[in-house]
Amino acid sequence: MAKPSSIHSGNKTLVKIGQNIRKIRLSKGFSQEALALLSGIDRSYLGGIERGEHNVAVINLEKIAQALEIPIANLFK
């Protein structure tokens, strides 16, 4: 499991993206575990993304958006 980034953890952009992922995930009725399985991302890493602890790679954002069946741009709104 990746450790939270000591440099980027809590960055307002990362926090906002994480909040958006959590909001959309919950609106679709997915648990973190279900979304992690659908996106091929470790559940604990996904939790860190939702908390704004990781400077997440674009490829992982793409995987999450595809699993949620939304455009990737929706993660940034």
C-alpha atoms as a PDB file:
ATOM      1  CA  MET A   1       0.000   0.000   0.000  1.00  0.00           C
ATOM      2  CA  ALA A   2       1.247   3.456  -0.857  1.00  0.00           C
ATOM      3  CA  LYS A   3       1.871   5.815   2.017  1.00  0.00           C
ATOM      4  CA  PRO A   4       0.144   9.205   1.981  1.00  0.00           C
ATOM      5  CA  SER A   5       2.239  11.810   0.202  1.00  0.00           C
ATOM      6  CA  SER A   6       3.992  14.003   2.748  1.00  0.00           C
ATOM      7  CA  ILE A   7       4.196  16.755   0.135  1.00  0.00           C
ATOM      8  CA  HIS A   8       0.745  16.555  -1.482  1.00  0.00           C
ATOM      9  CA  SER A   9      -1.501  15.152   1.255  1.00  0.00           C
ATOM     10  CA  GLY A  10      -4.325  17.593   1.917  1.00  0.00           C
ATOM     11  CA  ASN A  11      -3.768  19.578  -1.285  1.00  0.00           C
ATOM     12  CA  LYS A  12      -7.075  21.324  -2.000  1.00  0.00           C
ATOM     13  CA  THR A  13      -7.281  19.966  -5.553  1.00  0.00           C
ATOM     14  CA  LEU A  14      -6.625  16.386  -4.437  1.00  0.00           C
ATOM     15  CA  VAL A  15      -9.121  16.736  -1.598  1.00  0.00           C
ATOM     16  CA  LYS A  16     -11.779  18.053  -4.007  1.00  0.00           C
ATOM     17  CA  ILE A  17     -11.194  15.198  -6.462  1.00  0.00           C
ATOM     18  CA  GLY A  18     -11.413  12.708  -3.598  1.00  0.00           C
ATOM     19  CA  GLN A  19     -14.645  14.254  -2.342  1.00  0.00           C
ATOM     20  CA  ASN A  20     -16.102  14.071  -5.854  1.00  0.00           C
ATOM     21  CA  ILE A  21     -15.129  10.417  -6.213  1.00  0.00           C
ATOM     22  CA  ARG A  22     -16.708   9.581  -2.832  1.00  0.00           C
ATOM     23  CA  LYS A  23     -19.900  11.521  -3.643  1.00  0.00           C
ATOM     24  CA  ILE A  24     -20.327   9.851  -7.041  1.00  0.00           C
ATOM     25  CA  ARG A  25     -19.427   6.417  -5.635  1.00  0.00           C
ATOM     26  CA  LEU A  26     -22.041   6.728  -2.898  1.00  0.00           C
ATOM     27  CA  SER A  27     -24.674   8.071  -5.300  1.00  0.00           C
ATOM     28  CA  LYS A  28     -24.185   4.922  -7.389  1.00  0.00           C
ATOM     29  CA  GLY A  29     -24.430   2.704  -4.311  1.00  0.00           C
ATOM     30  CA  PHE A  30     -20.858   1.378  -4.486  1.00  0.00           C
ATOM     31  CA  SER A  31     -18.763   0.535  -1.469  1.00  0.00           C
ATOM     32  CA  GLN A  32     -15.074   1.431  -1.618  1.00  0.00           C
ATOM     33  CA  GLU A  33     -14.339  -2.254  -2.041  1.00  0.00           C
ATOM     34  CA  ALA A  34     -16.732  -2.597  -4.983  1.00  0.00           C
ATOM     35  CA  LEU A  35     -15.301   0.450  -6.749  1.00  0.00           C
ATOM     36  CA  ALA A  36     -11.770  -0.764  -6.076  1.00  0.00           C
ATOM     37  CA  LEU A  37     -12.555  -4.131  -7.653  1.00  0.00           C
ATOM     38  CA  LEU A  38     -14.248  -2.542 -10.669  1.00  0.00           C
ATOM     39  CA  SER A  39     -11.378  -0.117 -11.237  1.00  0.00           C
ATOM     40  CA  GLY A  40      -8.516  -2.508 -10.447  1.00  0.00           C
ATOM     41  CA  ILE A  41      -7.198  -0.251  -7.684  1.00  0.00           C
ATOM     42  CA  ASP A  42      -6.334  -1.400  -4.178  1.00  0.00           C
ATOM     43  CA  ARG A  43      -9.137  -0.557  -1.728  1.00  0.00           C
ATOM     44  CA  SER A  44      -6.863   1.116   0.806  1.00  0.00           C
ATOM     45  CA  TYR A  45      -5.263   3.211  -1.956  1.00  0.00           C
ATOM     46  CA  LEU A  46      -8.732   4.230  -3.153  1.00  0.00           C
ATOM     47  CA  GLY A  47      -9.553   5.310   0.398  1.00  0.00           C
ATOM     48  CA  GLY A  48      -6.414   7.446   0.399  1.00  0.00           C
ATOM     49  CA  ILE A  49      -7.454   9.010  -2.901  1.00  0.00           C
ATOM     50  CA  GLU A  50     -10.857   9.855  -1.446  1.00  0.00           C
ATOM     51  CA  ARG A  51      -9.156  11.485   1.563  1.00  0.00           C
ATOM     52  CA  GLY A  52      -6.842  13.546  -0.672  1.00  0.00           C
ATOM     53  CA  GLU A  53      -3.725  11.762   0.573  1.00  0.00           C
ATOM     54  CA  HIS A  54      -2.295  10.671  -2.790  1.00  0.00           C
ATOM     55  CA  ASN A  55      -1.141  12.598  -5.836  1.00  0.00           C
ATOM     56  CA  VAL A  56      -3.103  10.159  -7.954  1.00  0.00           C
ATOM     57  CA  ALA A  57      -1.989   9.315 -11.493  1.00  0.00           C
ATOM     58  CA  VAL A  58      -4.223  10.279 -14.390  1.00  0.00           C
ATOM     59  CA  ILE A  59      -4.397   6.642 -15.488  1.00  0.00           C
ATOM     60  CA  ASN A  60      -5.915   5.737 -12.108  1.00  0.00           C
ATOM     61  CA  LEU A  61      -8.427   8.578 -12.381  1.00  0.00           C
ATOM     62  CA  GLU A  62      -9.355   7.182 -15.797  1.00  0.00           C
ATOM     63  CA  LYS A  63      -9.874   3.706 -14.297  1.00  0.00           C
ATOM     64  CA  ILE A  64     -12.088   5.138 -11.547  1.00  0.00           C
ATOM     65  CA  ALA A  65     -14.140   7.195 -14.028  1.00  0.00           C
ATOM     66  CA  GLN A  66     -14.628   4.163 -16.263  1.00  0.00           C
ATOM     67  CA  ALA A  67     -15.737   2.040 -13.302  1.00  0.00           C
ATOM     68  CA  LEU A  68     -18.208   4.766 -12.298  1.00  0.00           C
ATOM     69  CA  GLU A  69     -19.308   5.054 -15.952  1.00  0.00           C
ATOM     70  CA  ILE A  70     -18.749   8.812 -16.037  1.00  0.00           C
ATOM     71  CA  PRO A  71     -16.512  11.156 -18.045  1.00  0.00           C
ATOM     72  CA  ILE A  72     -13.203  11.725 -16.270  1.00  0.00           C
ATOM     73  CA  ALA A  73     -13.947  15.467 -16.271  1.00  0.00           C
ATOM     74  CA  ASN A  74     -16.753  14.843 -13.755  1.00  0.00           C
ATOM     75  CA  LEU A  75     -14.125  14.011 -11.138  1.00  0.00           C
ATOM     76  CA  PHE A  76     -12.880  17.608 -11.286  1.00  0.00           C
ATOM     77  CA  LYS A  77     -16.215  19.437 -10.893  1.00  0.00           C
END
